[in-house]
Every structure is written in structure tokens, then in C-alpha cells.
Amino acid sequence: MIHKHNNKTTISPVTIGKYRIAACPSLYIEGSYLAQVSIASGSGSASTDRVMRFTDNFSSHDAAAQYALAQGIDWAHSALKMH
């Protein structure tokens, strides 16, 4: 689900198999954003959360979020195929 808040689009986390994928872009320098994605799995003391940061800069928060989410989804699909 996509939400609009303070002129920024917030993309809801996506669940694929055992992975919860959430885009978390960050402001790099004024007008430039970095894409980051959190991929969490498990629960309680058996939980893990990996965060991937990408080197490309994006001109908007939305573009960085969409890129990060797409990369996280690709990673989860690949990881699930390996098992």
C-alpha cells in the first residue's frame, strides 16, 4: 500500500515468504536521496534484519523508496529459490 505524508510517499512493507521487506530511503544531501531496504525474518530472539544500502543517488524520496523495495523483492525471491 502507498501512503502520502508531507509530500513523501510511504510504501508499506511487503511480505514475501518469511521475509518482511521495507524501503527506508534517507536524505543524502539536499535534493538527493539514498536507497536503503530492510529485510527482516524470524521473530523474538531468532529474528534477523539485514539492511542493504545502494550507491546510486536519487532525485526524490519516492524514487529511492521504489528502487530499494524492488531490490529487496528481487533479493527475497532469489533467497527463497535457493532453499
PDB file of N, CA and C in Angstrom:
ATOM      1  N   MET A   1       0.841  -1.161   0.000  1.00  0.00           N
ATOM      2  CA  MET A   1       0.000   0.000   0.000  1.00  0.00           C
ATOM      3  C   MET A   1       0.894   1.234   0.000  1.00  0.00           C
ATOM      4  N   ILE A   2       0.455   2.270  -0.689  1.00  0.00           N
ATOM      5  CA  ILE A   2       1.218   3.509  -0.793  1.00  0.00           C
ATOM      6  C   ILE A   2       0.454   4.605  -0.063  1.00  0.00           C
ATOM      7  N   HIS A   3       1.158   5.353   0.816  1.00  0.00           N
ATOM      8  CA  HIS A   3       0.566   6.440   1.579  1.00  0.00           C
ATOM      9  C   HIS A   3       1.309   7.728   1.267  1.00  0.00           C
ATOM     10  N   LYS A   4       0.619   8.862   1.290  1.00  0.00           N
ATOM     11  CA  LYS A   4       1.232  10.160   1.046  1.00  0.00           C
ATOM     12  C   LYS A   4       1.264  10.919   2.369  1.00  0.00           C
ATOM     13  N   HIS A   5       2.444  11.465   2.763  1.00  0.00           N
ATOM     14  CA  HIS A   5       2.599  12.214   4.006  1.00  0.00           C
ATOM     15  C   HIS A   5       3.713  13.235   3.817  1.00  0.00           C
ATOM     16  N   ASN A   6       3.411  14.491   4.053  1.00  0.00           N
ATOM     17  CA  ASN A   6       4.408  15.566   3.922  1.00  0.00           C
ATOM     18  C   ASN A   6       5.110  15.542   2.565  1.00  0.00           C
ATOM     19  N   ASN A   7       4.342  15.382   1.510  1.00  0.00           N
ATOM     20  CA  ASN A   7       4.867  15.356   0.140  1.00  0.00           C
ATOM     21  C   ASN A   7       5.814  14.193  -0.121  1.00  0.00           C
ATOM     22  N   LYS A   8       5.812  13.180   0.720  1.00  0.00           N
ATOM     23  CA  LYS A   8       6.619  11.987   0.510  1.00  0.00           C
ATOM     24  C   LYS A   8       5.689  10.789   0.473  1.00  0.00           C
ATOM     25  N   THR A   9       5.972   9.894  -0.414  1.00  0.00           N
ATOM     26  CA  THR A   9       5.189   8.675  -0.498  1.00  0.00           C
ATOM     27  C   THR A   9       5.812   7.642   0.425  1.00  0.00           C
ATOM     28  N   THR A  10       4.995   6.999   1.231  1.00  0.00           N
ATOM     29  CA  THR A  10       5.454   5.928   2.089  1.00  0.00           C
ATOM     30  C   THR A  10       4.907   4.626   1.531  1.00  0.00           C
ATOM     31  N   ILE A  11       5.792   3.719   1.220  1.00  0.00           N
ATOM     32  CA  ILE A  11       5.383   2.431   0.678  1.00  0.00           C
ATOM     33  C   ILE A  11       5.347   1.436   1.830  1.00  0.00           C
ATOM     34  N   SER A  12       4.208   0.799   2.019  1.00  0.00           N
ATOM     35  CA  SER A  12       4.074  -0.181   3.099  1.00  0.00           C
ATOM     36  C   SER A  12       5.009  -1.357   2.878  1.00  0.00           C
ATOM     37  N   PRO A  13       5.469  -1.961   3.959  1.00  0.00           N
ATOM     38  CA  PRO A  13       6.310  -3.161   3.831  1.00  0.00           C
ATOM     39  C   PRO A  13       5.582  -4.276   3.077  1.00  0.00           C
ATOM     40  N   VAL A  14       6.369  -5.114   2.444  1.00  0.00           N
ATOM     41  CA  VAL A  14       5.849  -6.232   1.664  1.00  0.00           C
ATOM     42  C   VAL A  14       6.369  -7.515   2.299  1.00  0.00           C
ATOM     43  N   THR A  15       5.538  -8.538   2.369  1.00  0.00           N
ATOM     44  CA  THR A  15       5.971  -9.830   2.877  1.00  0.00           C
ATOM     45  C   THR A  15       6.045 -10.824   1.724  1.00  0.00           C
ATOM     46  N   ILE A  16       7.203 -11.455   1.598  1.00  0.00           N
ATOM     47  CA  ILE A  16       7.408 -12.498   0.593  1.00  0.00           C
ATOM     48  C   ILE A  16       7.991 -13.691   1.328  1.00  0.00           C
ATOM     49  N   GLY A  17       7.215 -14.769   1.386  1.00  0.00           N
ATOM     50  CA  GLY A  17       7.660 -15.938   2.150  1.00  0.00           C
ATOM     51  C   GLY A  17       7.884 -15.540   3.597  1.00  0.00           C
ATOM     52  N   LYS A  18       9.069 -15.818   4.115  1.00  0.00           N
ATOM     53  CA  LYS A  18       9.384 -15.493   5.513  1.00  0.00           C
ATOM     54  C   LYS A  18      10.001 -14.110   5.673  1.00  0.00           C
ATOM     55  N   TYR A  19      10.122 -13.344   4.593  1.00  0.00           N
ATOM     56  CA  TYR A  19      10.802 -12.053   4.626  1.00  0.00           C
ATOM     57  C   TYR A  19       9.824 -10.880   4.615  1.00  0.00           C
ATOM     58  N   ARG A  20      10.107  -9.906   5.470  1.00  0.00           N
ATOM     59  CA  ARG A  20       9.351  -8.651   5.501  1.00  0.00           C
ATOM     60  C   ARG A  20      10.282  -7.582   4.945  1.00  0.00           C
ATOM     61  N   ILE A  21       9.896  -6.970   3.855  1.00  0.00           N
ATOM     62  CA  ILE A  21      10.753  -6.040   3.125  1.00  0.00           C
ATOM     63  C   ILE A  21      10.195  -4.628   3.270  1.00  0.00           C
ATOM     64  N   ALA A  22      11.039  -3.705   3.726  1.00  0.00           N
ATOM     65  CA  ALA A  22      10.606  -2.322   3.918  1.00  0.00           C
ATOM     66  C   ALA A  22      11.652  -1.365   3.351  1.00  0.00           C
ATOM     67  N   ALA A  23      11.208  -0.470   2.499  1.00  0.00           N
ATOM     68  CA  ALA A  23      12.089   0.569   1.963  1.00  0.00           C
ATOM     69  C   ALA A  23      12.285   1.633   3.034  1.00  0.00           C
ATOM     70  N   CYS A  24      13.514   2.100   3.187  1.00  0.00           N
ATOM     71  CA  CYS A  24      13.800   3.157   4.164  1.00  0.00           C
ATOM     72  C   CYS A  24      14.847   4.123   3.588  1.00  0.00           C
ATOM     73  N   PRO A  25      14.443   4.900   2.574  1.00  0.00           N
ATOM     74  CA  PRO A  25      15.378   5.831   1.962  1.00  0.00           C
ATOM     75  C   PRO A  25      15.778   6.929   2.942  1.00  0.00           C
ATOM     76  N   SER A  26      16.944   7.519   2.704  1.00  0.00           N
ATOM     77  CA  SER A  26      17.404   8.585   3.586  1.00  0.00           C
ATOM     78  C   SER A  26      17.926   9.752   2.762  1.00  0.00           C
ATOM     79  N   LEU A  27      17.806  10.933   3.341  1.00  0.00           N
ATOM     80  CA  LEU A  27      18.302  12.143   2.697  1.00  0.00           C
ATOM     81  C   LEU A  27      19.820  12.110   2.724  1.00  0.00           C
ATOM     82  N   TYR A  28      20.432  12.295   1.589  1.00  0.00           N
ATOM     83  CA  TYR A  28      21.893  12.285   1.483  1.00  0.00           C
ATOM     84  C   TYR A  28      22.409  13.715   1.571  1.00  0.00           C
ATOM     85  N   ILE A  29      22.135  14.493   0.580  1.00  0.00           N
ATOM     86  CA  ILE A  29      22.374  15.931   0.605  1.00  0.00           C
ATOM     87  C   ILE A  29      21.108  16.566   0.055  1.00  0.00           C
ATOM     88  N   GLU A  30      20.915  17.829   0.296  1.00  0.00           N
ATOM     89  CA  GLU A  30      19.676  18.478  -0.133  1.00  0.00           C
ATOM     90  C   GLU A  30      19.350  18.134  -1.585  1.00  0.00           C
ATOM     91  N   GLY A  31      18.192  17.544  -1.779  1.00  0.00           N
ATOM     92  CA  GLY A  31      17.741  17.192  -3.111  1.00  0.00           C
ATOM     93  C   GLY A  31      18.235  15.851  -3.608  1.00  0.00           C
ATOM     94  N   SER A  32      18.911  15.093  -2.772  1.00  0.00           N
ATOM     95  CA  SER A  32      19.441  13.791  -3.183  1.00  0.00           C
ATOM     96  C   SER A  32      19.163  12.763  -2.094  1.00  0.00           C
ATOM     97  N   TYR A  33      18.710  11.599  -2.499  1.00  0.00           N
ATOM     98  CA  TYR A  33      18.352  10.542  -1.550  1.00  0.00           C
ATOM     99  C   TYR A  33      19.124   9.262  -1.846  1.00  0.00           C
ATOM    100  N   LEU A  34      19.377   8.501  -0.790  1.00  0.00           N
ATOM    101  CA  LEU A  34      19.993   7.185  -0.913  1.00  0.00           C
ATOM    102  C   LEU A  34      18.917   6.128  -0.688  1.00  0.00           C
ATOM    103  N   ALA A  35      19.007   5.047  -1.424  1.00  0.00           N
ATOM    104  CA  ALA A  35      18.062   3.950  -1.281  1.00  0.00           C
ATOM    105  C   ALA A  35      18.598   2.952  -0.259  1.00  0.00           C
ATOM    106  N   GLN A  36      17.744   2.537   0.648  1.00  0.00           N
ATOM    107  CA  GLN A  36      18.058   1.507   1.637  1.00  0.00           C
ATOM    108  C   GLN A  36      16.842   0.610   1.758  1.00  0.00           C
ATOM    109  N   VAL A  37      17.093  -0.661   2.047  1.00  0.00           N
ATOM    110  CA  VAL A  37      15.987  -1.587   2.248  1.00  0.00           C
ATOM    111  C   VAL A  37      16.300  -2.469   3.451  1.00  0.00           C
ATOM    112  N   SER A  38      15.289  -2.720   4.262  1.00  0.00           N
ATOM    113  CA  SER A  38      15.395  -3.619   5.404  1.00  0.00           C
ATOM    114  C   SER A  38      14.686  -4.916   5.046  1.00  0.00           C
ATOM    115  N   ILE A  39      15.384  -6.040   5.274  1.00  0.00           N
ATOM    116  CA  ILE A  39      14.795  -7.355   5.028  1.00  0.00           C
ATOM    117  C   ILE A  39      14.865  -8.127   6.344  1.00  0.00           C
ATOM    118  N   ALA A  40      13.710  -8.307   6.958  1.00  0.00           N
ATOM    119  CA  ALA A  40      13.634  -8.952   8.262  1.00  0.00           C
ATOM    120  C   ALA A  40      12.997 -10.327   8.139  1.00  0.00           C
ATOM    121  N   SER A  41      13.393 -11.211   9.051  1.00  0.00           N
ATOM    122  CA  SER A  41      12.772 -12.535   9.110  1.00  0.00           C
ATOM    123  C   SER A  41      12.850 -13.046  10.538  1.00  0.00           C
ATOM    124  N   GLY A  42      12.032 -14.032  10.826  1.00  0.00           N
ATOM    125  CA  GLY A  42      12.023 -14.625  12.160  1.00  0.00           C
ATOM    126  C   GLY A  42      11.271 -13.761  13.152  1.00  0.00           C
ATOM    127  N   SER A  43      11.309 -14.186  14.412  1.00  0.00           N
ATOM    128  CA  SER A  43      10.667 -13.416  15.476  1.00  0.00           C
ATOM    129  C   SER A  43      11.384 -13.660  16.791  1.00  0.00           C
ATOM    130  N   GLY A  44      11.197 -12.741  17.705  1.00  0.00           N
ATOM    131  CA  GLY A  44      11.830 -12.851  19.023  1.00  0.00           C
ATOM    132  C   GLY A  44      13.334 -12.900  18.937  1.00  0.00           C
ATOM    133  N   SER A  45      13.945 -13.766  19.746  1.00  0.00           N
ATOM    134  CA  SER A  45      15.406 -13.852  19.774  1.00  0.00           C
ATOM    135  C   SER A  45      15.978 -14.516  18.528  1.00  0.00           C
ATOM    136  N   ALA A  46      15.119 -15.099  17.699  1.00  0.00           N
ATOM    137  CA  ALA A  46      15.570 -15.732  16.462  1.00  0.00           C
ATOM    138  C   ALA A  46      15.378 -14.821  15.244  1.00  0.00           C
ATOM    139  N   SER A  47      15.118 -13.532  15.489  1.00  0.00           N
ATOM    140  CA  SER A  47      14.885 -12.621  14.367  1.00  0.00           C
ATOM    141  C   SER A  47      16.196 -12.085  13.798  1.00  0.00           C
ATOM    142  N   THR A  48      16.173 -11.813  12.529  1.00  0.00           N
ATOM    143  CA  THR A  48      17.309 -11.172  11.860  1.00  0.00           C
ATOM    144  C   THR A  48      16.775 -10.029  11.021  1.00  0.00           C
ATOM    145  N   ASP A  49      17.618  -9.042  10.813  1.00  0.00           N
ATOM    146  CA  ASP A  49      17.268  -7.910   9.974  1.00  0.00           C
ATOM    147  C   ASP A  49      18.514  -7.472   9.237  1.00  0.00           C
ATOM    148  N   ARG A  50      18.488  -7.592   7.938  1.00  0.00           N
ATOM    149  CA  ARG A  50      19.627  -7.123   7.141  1.00  0.00           C
ATOM    150  C   ARG A  50      19.198  -5.839   6.454  1.00  0.00           C
ATOM    151  N   VAL A  51      20.117  -4.885   6.395  1.00  0.00           N
ATOM    152  CA  VAL A  51      19.846  -3.620   5.727  1.00  0.00           C
ATOM    153  C   VAL A  51      20.838  -3.482   4.590  1.00  0.00           C
ATOM    154  N   MET A  52      20.322  -3.226   3.413  1.00  0.00           N
ATOM    155  CA  MET A  52      21.175  -3.014   2.247  1.00  0.00           C
ATOM    156  C   MET A  52      21.088  -1.554   1.849  1.00  0.00           C
ATOM    157  N   ARG A  53      22.244  -0.957   1.621  1.00  0.00           N
ATOM    158  CA  ARG A  53      22.319   0.425   1.140  1.00  0.00           C
ATOM    159  C   ARG A  53      22.914   0.400  -0.260  1.00  0.00           C
ATOM    160  N   PHE A  54      22.377   1.219  -1.128  1.00  0.00           N
ATOM    161  CA  PHE A  54      22.801   1.232  -2.519  1.00  0.00           C
ATOM    162  C   PHE A  54      23.543   2.524  -2.827  1.00  0.00           C
ATOM    163  N   THR A  55      24.478   2.456  -3.749  1.00  0.00           N
ATOM    164  CA  THR A  55      25.349   3.594  -4.022  1.00  0.00           C
ATOM    165  C   THR A  55      24.734   4.656  -4.924  1.00  0.00           C
ATOM    166  N   ASP A  56      23.712   4.313  -5.676  1.00  0.00           N
ATOM    167  CA  ASP A  56      23.087   5.305  -6.555  1.00  0.00           C
ATOM    168  C   ASP A  56      22.384   6.381  -5.737  1.00  0.00           C
ATOM    169  N   ASN A  57      22.430   7.616  -6.221  1.00  0.00           N
ATOM    170  CA  ASN A  57      21.680   8.720  -5.623  1.00  0.00           C
ATOM    171  C   ASN A  57      20.412   8.921  -6.437  1.00  0.00           C
ATOM    172  N   PHE A  58      19.340   9.327  -5.775  1.00  0.00           N
ATOM    173  CA  PHE A  58      18.056   9.533  -6.439  1.00  0.00           C
ATOM    174  C   PHE A  58      17.587  10.956  -6.184  1.00  0.00           C
ATOM    175  N   SER A  59      16.876  11.501  -7.145  1.00  0.00           N
ATOM    176  CA  SER A  59      16.437  12.893  -7.041  1.00  0.00           C
ATOM    177  C   SER A  59      15.214  13.067  -6.148  1.00  0.00           C
ATOM    178  N   SER A  60      14.559  11.953  -5.788  1.00  0.00           N
ATOM    179  CA  SER A  60      13.389  12.068  -4.915  1.00  0.00           C
ATOM    180  C   SER A  60      13.336  10.910  -3.914  1.00  0.00           C
ATOM    181  N   HIS A  61      12.648  11.175  -2.823  1.00  0.00           N
ATOM    182  CA  HIS A  61      12.412  10.170  -1.792  1.00  0.00           C
ATOM    183  C   HIS A  61      11.665   8.981  -2.400  1.00  0.00           C
ATOM    184  N   ASP A  62      10.656   9.281  -3.221  1.00  0.00           N
ATOM    185  CA  ASP A  62       9.836   8.235  -3.833  1.00  0.00           C
ATOM    186  C   ASP A  62      10.650   7.320  -4.739  1.00  0.00           C
ATOM    187  N   ALA A  63      11.516   7.909  -5.553  1.00  0.00           N
ATOM    188  CA  ALA A  63      12.329   7.100  -6.472  1.00  0.00           C
ATOM    189  C   ALA A  63      13.269   6.186  -5.702  1.00  0.00           C
ATOM    190  N   ALA A  64      13.869   6.707  -4.636  1.00  0.00           N
ATOM    191  CA  ALA A  64      14.770   5.892  -3.817  1.00  0.00           C
ATOM    192  C   ALA A  64      14.003   4.758  -3.145  1.00  0.00           C
ATOM    193  N   ALA A  65      12.805   5.044  -2.652  1.00  0.00           N
ATOM    194  CA  ALA A  65      11.983   4.027  -1.987  1.00  0.00           C
ATOM    195  C   ALA A  65      11.574   2.926  -2.961  1.00  0.00           C
ATOM    196  N   GLN A  66      11.153   3.305  -4.143  1.00  0.00           N
ATOM    197  CA  GLN A  66      10.720   2.314  -5.127  1.00  0.00           C
ATOM    198  C   GLN A  66      11.886   1.429  -5.565  1.00  0.00           C
ATOM    199  N   TYR A  67      13.057   2.028  -5.766  1.00  0.00           N
ATOM    200  CA  TYR A  67      14.233   1.251  -6.145  1.00  0.00           C
ATOM    201  C   TYR A  67      14.605   0.263  -5.033  1.00  0.00           C
ATOM    202  N   ALA A  68      14.638   0.752  -3.789  1.00  0.00           N
ATOM    203  CA  ALA A  68      15.010  -0.094  -2.655  1.00  0.00           C
ATOM    204  C   ALA A  68      14.041  -1.265  -2.508  1.00  0.00           C
ATOM    205  N   LEU A  69      12.752  -0.994  -2.607  1.00  0.00           N
ATOM    206  CA  LEU A  69      11.763  -2.055  -2.472  1.00  0.00           C
ATOM    207  C   LEU A  69      11.924  -3.094  -3.581  1.00  0.00           C
ATOM    208  N   ALA A  70      12.142  -2.640  -4.804  1.00  0.00           N
ATOM    209  CA  ALA A  70      12.335  -3.575  -5.922  1.00  0.00           C
ATOM    210  C   ALA A  70      13.568  -4.452  -5.695  1.00  0.00           C
ATOM    211  N   GLN A  71      14.652  -3.870  -5.189  1.00  0.00           N
ATOM    212  CA  GLN A  71      15.864  -4.641  -4.925  1.00  0.00           C
ATOM    213  C   GLN A  71      15.627  -5.664  -3.805  1.00  0.00           C
ATOM    214  N   GLY A  72      14.896  -5.260  -2.767  1.00  0.00           N
ATOM    215  CA  GLY A  72      14.575  -6.179  -1.677  1.00  0.00           C
ATOM    216  C   GLY A  72      13.712  -7.339  -2.128  1.00  0.00           C
ATOM    217  N   ILE A  73      12.746  -7.050  -2.981  1.00  0.00           N
ATOM    218  CA  ILE A  73      11.877  -8.097  -3.516  1.00  0.00           C
ATOM    219  C   ILE A  73      12.692  -9.075  -4.355  1.00  0.00           C
ATOM    220  N   ASP A  74      13.562  -8.558  -5.197  1.00  0.00           N
ATOM    221  CA  ASP A  74      14.430  -9.432  -6.004  1.00  0.00           C
ATOM    222  C   ASP A  74      15.296 -10.311  -5.118  1.00  0.00           C
ATOM    223  N   TRP A  75      15.860  -9.728  -4.059  1.00  0.00           N
ATOM    224  CA  TRP A  75      16.714 -10.489  -3.140  1.00  0.00           C
ATOM    225  C   TRP A  75      15.911 -11.614  -2.483  1.00  0.00           C
ATOM    226  N   ALA A  76      14.715 -11.311  -2.009  1.00  0.00           N
ATOM    227  CA  ALA A  76      13.889 -12.311  -1.330  1.00  0.00           C
ATOM    228  C   ALA A  76      13.517 -13.452  -2.277  1.00  0.00           C
ATOM    229  N   HIS A  77      13.145 -13.118  -3.509  1.00  0.00           N
ATOM    230  CA  HIS A  77      12.819 -14.169  -4.477  1.00  0.00           C
ATOM    231  C   HIS A  77      14.026 -15.070  -4.724  1.00  0.00           C
ATOM    232  N   SER A  78      15.202 -14.480  -4.862  1.00  0.00           N
ATOM    233  CA  SER A  78      16.421 -15.266  -5.069  1.00  0.00           C
ATOM    234  C   SER A  78      16.737 -16.154  -3.869  1.00  0.00           C
ATOM    235  N   ALA A  79      16.584 -15.592  -2.672  1.00  0.00           N
ATOM    236  CA  ALA A  79      16.888 -16.350  -1.449  1.00  0.00           C
ATOM    237  C   ALA A  79      15.916 -17.527  -1.290  1.00  0.00           C
ATOM    238  N   LEU A  80      14.674 -17.334  -1.630  1.00  0.00           N
ATOM    239  CA  LEU A  80      13.683 -18.403  -1.491  1.00  0.00           C
ATOM    240  C   LEU A  80      13.914 -19.514  -2.521  1.00  0.00           C
ATOM    241  N   LYS A  81      14.424 -19.155  -3.692  1.00  0.00           N
ATOM    242  CA  LYS A  81      14.720 -20.178  -4.700  1.00  0.00           C
ATOM    243  C   LYS A  81      15.877 -21.064  -4.286  1.00  0.00           C
ATOM    244  N   MET A  82      16.785 -20.542  -3.481  1.00  0.00           N
ATOM    245  CA  MET A  82      17.967 -21.299  -3.053  1.00  0.00           C
ATOM    246  C   MET A  82      17.612 -22.388  -2.042  1.00  0.00           C
ATOM    247  N   HIS A  83      16.482 -22.234  -1.343  1.00  0.00           N
ATOM    248  CA  HIS A  83      16.110 -23.198  -0.299  1.00  0.00           C
ATOM    249  C   HIS A  83      15.114 -24.197  -0.776  1.00  0.00           C
TER     250      HIS A  83
END
